[in-house]
Protein backbone atom coordinates (compact mmCIF):
# COMPACT_ATOMS: atom_id res chain seq x y z
CA MET A 1 158.64 -94.91 0.10
CA SER A 2 156.53 -94.83 -2.62
CA GLN A 3 156.95 -96.06 -6.27
CA LEU A 4 157.30 -92.58 -7.63
CA GLU A 5 160.20 -91.82 -5.28
CA ASN A 6 161.80 -95.06 -6.12
CA PHE A 7 161.36 -94.67 -10.04
CA ILE A 8 163.15 -91.00 -9.53
CA ARG A 9 165.98 -92.33 -7.35
CA ASN A 10 166.57 -94.69 -9.85
CA ASN A 11 166.45 -92.88 -12.97
CA ARG A 12 167.88 -89.43 -11.51
CA GLU A 13 171.22 -89.57 -13.80
CA GLU A 14 168.65 -89.28 -16.73
CA PHE A 15 166.23 -86.50 -15.12
CA ASP A 16 169.56 -84.41 -14.60
CA GLY A 17 170.93 -85.22 -17.81
CA GLU A 18 168.79 -82.56 -19.67
CA GLU A 19 168.65 -78.75 -19.29
CA PRO A 20 165.80 -76.92 -20.82
CA SER A 21 166.96 -74.69 -23.66
CA PRO A 22 167.80 -71.40 -23.50
CA ARG A 23 164.47 -70.36 -25.57
CA VAL A 24 162.24 -71.90 -22.26
CA TRP A 25 164.16 -69.41 -20.06
CA LYS A 26 163.56 -66.34 -22.11
CA ASP A 27 160.25 -67.42 -22.24
CA LEU A 28 159.80 -67.64 -18.51
CA GLN A 29 161.32 -64.25 -17.76
CA LYS A 30 159.16 -62.59 -19.69
CA GLN A 31 156.18 -63.92 -18.34
CA LEU A 32 157.77 -62.79 -14.80
CA GLU A 33 158.84 -59.14 -16.05
CA ALA A 34 154.61 -58.74 -17.62
CA ALA A 35 152.98 -60.74 -14.73
CA PRO A 36 151.53 -57.89 -12.75
CA ALA A 37 152.44 -57.57 -9.20
CA PRO A 38 150.18 -59.91 -6.43
CA VAL A 39 148.02 -57.93 -4.58
CA LYS A 40 148.08 -59.00 -0.60
CA LYS A 41 144.90 -59.48 1.27
CA ASN A 42 144.09 -57.58 4.06
CA ASN A 43 143.95 -60.19 6.74
CA GLY A 44 141.51 -58.35 9.26
CA GLY A 45 143.92 -54.90 9.22
CA SER A 46 147.12 -56.75 10.15
CA VAL A 47 149.04 -55.36 7.28
CA ILE A 48 147.68 -51.64 8.10
CA THR A 49 148.09 -52.28 11.78
CA MET A 50 151.95 -52.98 10.97
CA ARG A 51 152.15 -49.95 9.17
CA ILE A 52 150.84 -47.78 11.76
CA LEU A 53 153.11 -49.68 14.39
CA LYS A 54 155.97 -48.94 12.29
CA TRP A 55 155.09 -44.92 11.81
CA SER A 56 154.30 -45.14 15.58
CA ALA A 57 157.55 -46.83 16.79
CA ALA A 58 159.43 -44.10 14.14
CA ALA A 59 157.51 -41.00 15.66
CA ALA A 60 158.66 -42.33 19.58
CA ILE A 61 162.04 -42.55 18.37
CA LEU A 62 162.12 -39.17 16.85
CA LEU A 63 160.39 -37.59 19.70
CA LEU A 64 162.70 -39.12 22.52
CA ALA A 65 165.88 -38.02 20.20
CA GLY A 66 164.49 -34.32 20.27
CA LEU A 67 163.74 -34.59 24.20
CA GLY A 68 167.38 -35.95 24.07
CA VAL A 69 168.69 -33.21 22.40
CA PHE A 70 166.77 -30.34 24.19
CA HIS A 71 167.87 -31.56 27.21
CA LEU A 72 171.23 -31.31 26.38
CA ILE A 73 171.89 -28.23 24.57
CA GLY A 74 168.52 -26.46 25.60
CA PRO A 75 168.16 -23.86 28.44
CA SER A 76 169.47 -25.22 31.46
CA LYS A 77 167.50 -25.41 35.24
CA ASN A 78 168.48 -21.88 36.84
CA THR A 79 170.03 -22.34 39.77
CA GLY A 80 171.17 -19.06 40.29
CA THR A 81 172.85 -18.75 37.17
CA ALA A 82 172.56 -16.05 35.12
CA GLU A 83 171.64 -17.23 31.27
CA VAL A 84 173.66 -15.17 28.89
CA LYS A 85 172.44 -16.41 25.61
CA PRO A 86 169.23 -14.44 24.67
CA THR A 87 171.01 -11.22 24.98
CA GLU A 88 174.46 -12.46 23.69
CA ASP A 89 173.83 -10.65 19.91
CA LEU A 90 172.70 -7.35 21.78
CA LEU A 91 176.12 -7.41 23.97
CA GLN A 92 178.17 -8.38 21.32
CA LYS A 93 176.61 -4.90 19.30
CA ILE A 94 176.90 -2.82 22.46
CA ASN A 95 180.20 -3.85 23.45
CA PRO A 96 182.23 -6.97 22.49
CA THR A 97 184.81 -6.33 25.62
CA TYR A 98 181.94 -6.52 28.10
CA ALA A 99 180.19 -9.41 26.14
CA LYS A 100 183.17 -11.50 26.81
CA GLU A 101 183.43 -10.43 30.13
CA VAL A 102 180.05 -11.50 31.12
CA TYR A 103 180.68 -14.46 29.34
CA HIS A 104 183.91 -15.08 31.35
CA PHE A 105 181.85 -14.11 34.32
CA THR A 106 179.17 -16.46 33.91
CA GLN A 107 180.81 -19.43 33.10
CA LEU A 108 183.09 -19.03 36.47
CA ILE A 109 179.96 -18.68 38.43
CA GLU A 110 178.37 -21.85 37.03
CA LEU A 111 181.72 -23.46 37.60
CA LYS A 112 181.57 -22.10 41.33
CA GLN A 113 178.07 -22.74 41.85
CA SER A 114 178.47 -26.86 41.09
CA GLU A 115 181.24 -26.80 43.56
CA LEU A 116 178.78 -24.96 45.89
CA LYS A 117 176.42 -27.70 45.08
CA GLN A 118 178.64 -30.40 46.60
CA ILE A 119 177.83 -29.01 50.18
CA GLU A 120 174.07 -29.89 49.61
CA LYS A 121 174.01 -33.23 51.10
CA ASP A 122 176.22 -32.86 53.67
CA ASP A 123 174.72 -29.27 55.24
CA PRO A 124 171.28 -28.48 53.18
CA GLU A 125 170.63 -25.47 55.41
CA LEU A 126 173.68 -23.97 54.91
CA TYR A 127 173.32 -24.95 51.15
CA GLN A 128 169.90 -22.99 51.09
CA GLN A 129 170.92 -19.88 52.81
CA PHE A 130 173.89 -19.66 50.59
CA LEU A 131 171.66 -20.14 47.63
CA GLY A 132 169.27 -17.56 48.85
CA ASP A 133 172.20 -14.98 48.29
CA ILE A 134 173.25 -15.94 45.21
CA GLN A 135 169.44 -15.96 44.17
CA GLN A 136 169.27 -12.06 45.53
CA LEU A 137 172.28 -11.01 43.28
CA ASP A 138 171.01 -13.32 40.14
CA SER A 139 167.26 -11.93 40.29
CA SER A 140 169.09 -8.18 39.93
CA TYR A 141 171.39 -9.20 37.52
CA ASN A 142 167.71 -10.76 35.49
CA ASN A 143 166.30 -7.54 36.08
CA LEU A 144 169.28 -5.34 34.31
CA LYS A 145 169.12 -7.87 31.62
CA LYS A 146 165.35 -7.11 31.31
CA GLU A 147 166.01 -3.55 30.60
CA LEU A 148 168.83 -3.37 28.41
CA PRO A 149 167.32 -3.98 25.14
CA SER A 150 164.86 -0.86 25.89
CA ASN A 151 167.46 1.26 28.16
CA PRO A 152 169.68 4.31 26.28
CA ASN A 153 172.41 4.26 28.64
CA ARG A 154 173.22 0.12 27.70
CA GLU A 155 177.14 0.80 28.28
CA GLN A 156 176.19 2.24 31.75
CA LEU A 157 173.58 -0.88 32.28
CA LEU A 158 176.17 -3.25 31.08
CA GLU A 159 178.89 -1.76 33.61
CA ALA A 160 176.44 -2.67 36.15
CA MET A 161 175.66 -6.09 34.99
CA ILE A 162 179.02 -6.73 35.25
CA GLU A 163 179.42 -5.47 38.48
CA ASN A 164 176.79 -7.60 39.42
CA LEU A 165 178.50 -10.64 37.74
CA LYS A 166 181.58 -9.67 39.67
CA MET A 167 179.68 -9.42 43.02
CA GLN A 168 178.43 -12.96 42.57
CA THR A 169 182.04 -14.34 41.81
CA GLU A 170 183.00 -12.64 44.86
CA LEU A 171 180.18 -13.83 47.08
CA LEU A 172 180.66 -17.31 45.87
CA ASN A 173 184.62 -17.36 46.44
CA GLN A 174 183.44 -16.67 49.93
CA GLN A 175 180.62 -19.35 50.71
CA LEU A 176 183.37 -21.66 49.07
CA GLN A 177 186.05 -20.41 51.91
CA VAL A 178 183.38 -21.48 54.50
CA ILE A 179 182.63 -24.44 53.19
CA GLN A 180 186.78 -25.26 53.36
CA GLN A 181 186.93 -24.15 56.78
CA ILE A 182 184.15 -26.09 57.56
CA LYS A 183 185.57 -29.36 56.37
CA GLN A 184 189.39 -28.34 57.43
CA SER A 185 187.63 -28.14 61.22
CA LYS A 186 185.96 -31.75 60.54
CA THR A 187 188.82 -32.92 59.07
CA THR A 188 190.63 -31.68 62.75
CA ASN A 189 187.77 -32.75 64.74
CA ASN A 190 188.53 -36.68 63.13
CA VAL A 191 191.93 -36.54 63.96
CA LYS A 192 191.75 -35.63 67.35
CA THR A 193 189.15 -37.99 68.14
CA ILE A 194 191.47 -40.76 66.55
């Protein structure tokens, strides 16, 4: 150890015994308040690069969050389901009762189509055939929906749209019954083989 370190250790109590006066602390505080903020030097653009990286990361997070929200509440993929949202206000204006019926049937159709989708893995050909039948009716429904804003006979057009949705529902019910019968026959055949 150096002589200075030994001297400090030996005389520690004397160093710690005295405190600076309050005036010293006030002067020091005034100097700190009056001193300009230190200017950071640009070390080869690292400060700018870090700011750009932070803003880029924030933008990427916002973009991903926006895409996630759009995916959750945005327009769904059209799997034969008639979308009601774009014309919902118009339907409400024409006839609120019909608007409720349209909403009810479209929700029912979506539910039944999700049930129908379960057969896609087991029997893709049958699923494609069923989907083709539904898409024909759905195409007709979409044509009626497009005509709705400009057609003078809106009540009749709404009735035709509801009829179409009823036919889609009935067709889906028949398709689901066929699927149920196929499953039962497979179960019966499996029981017989056991």
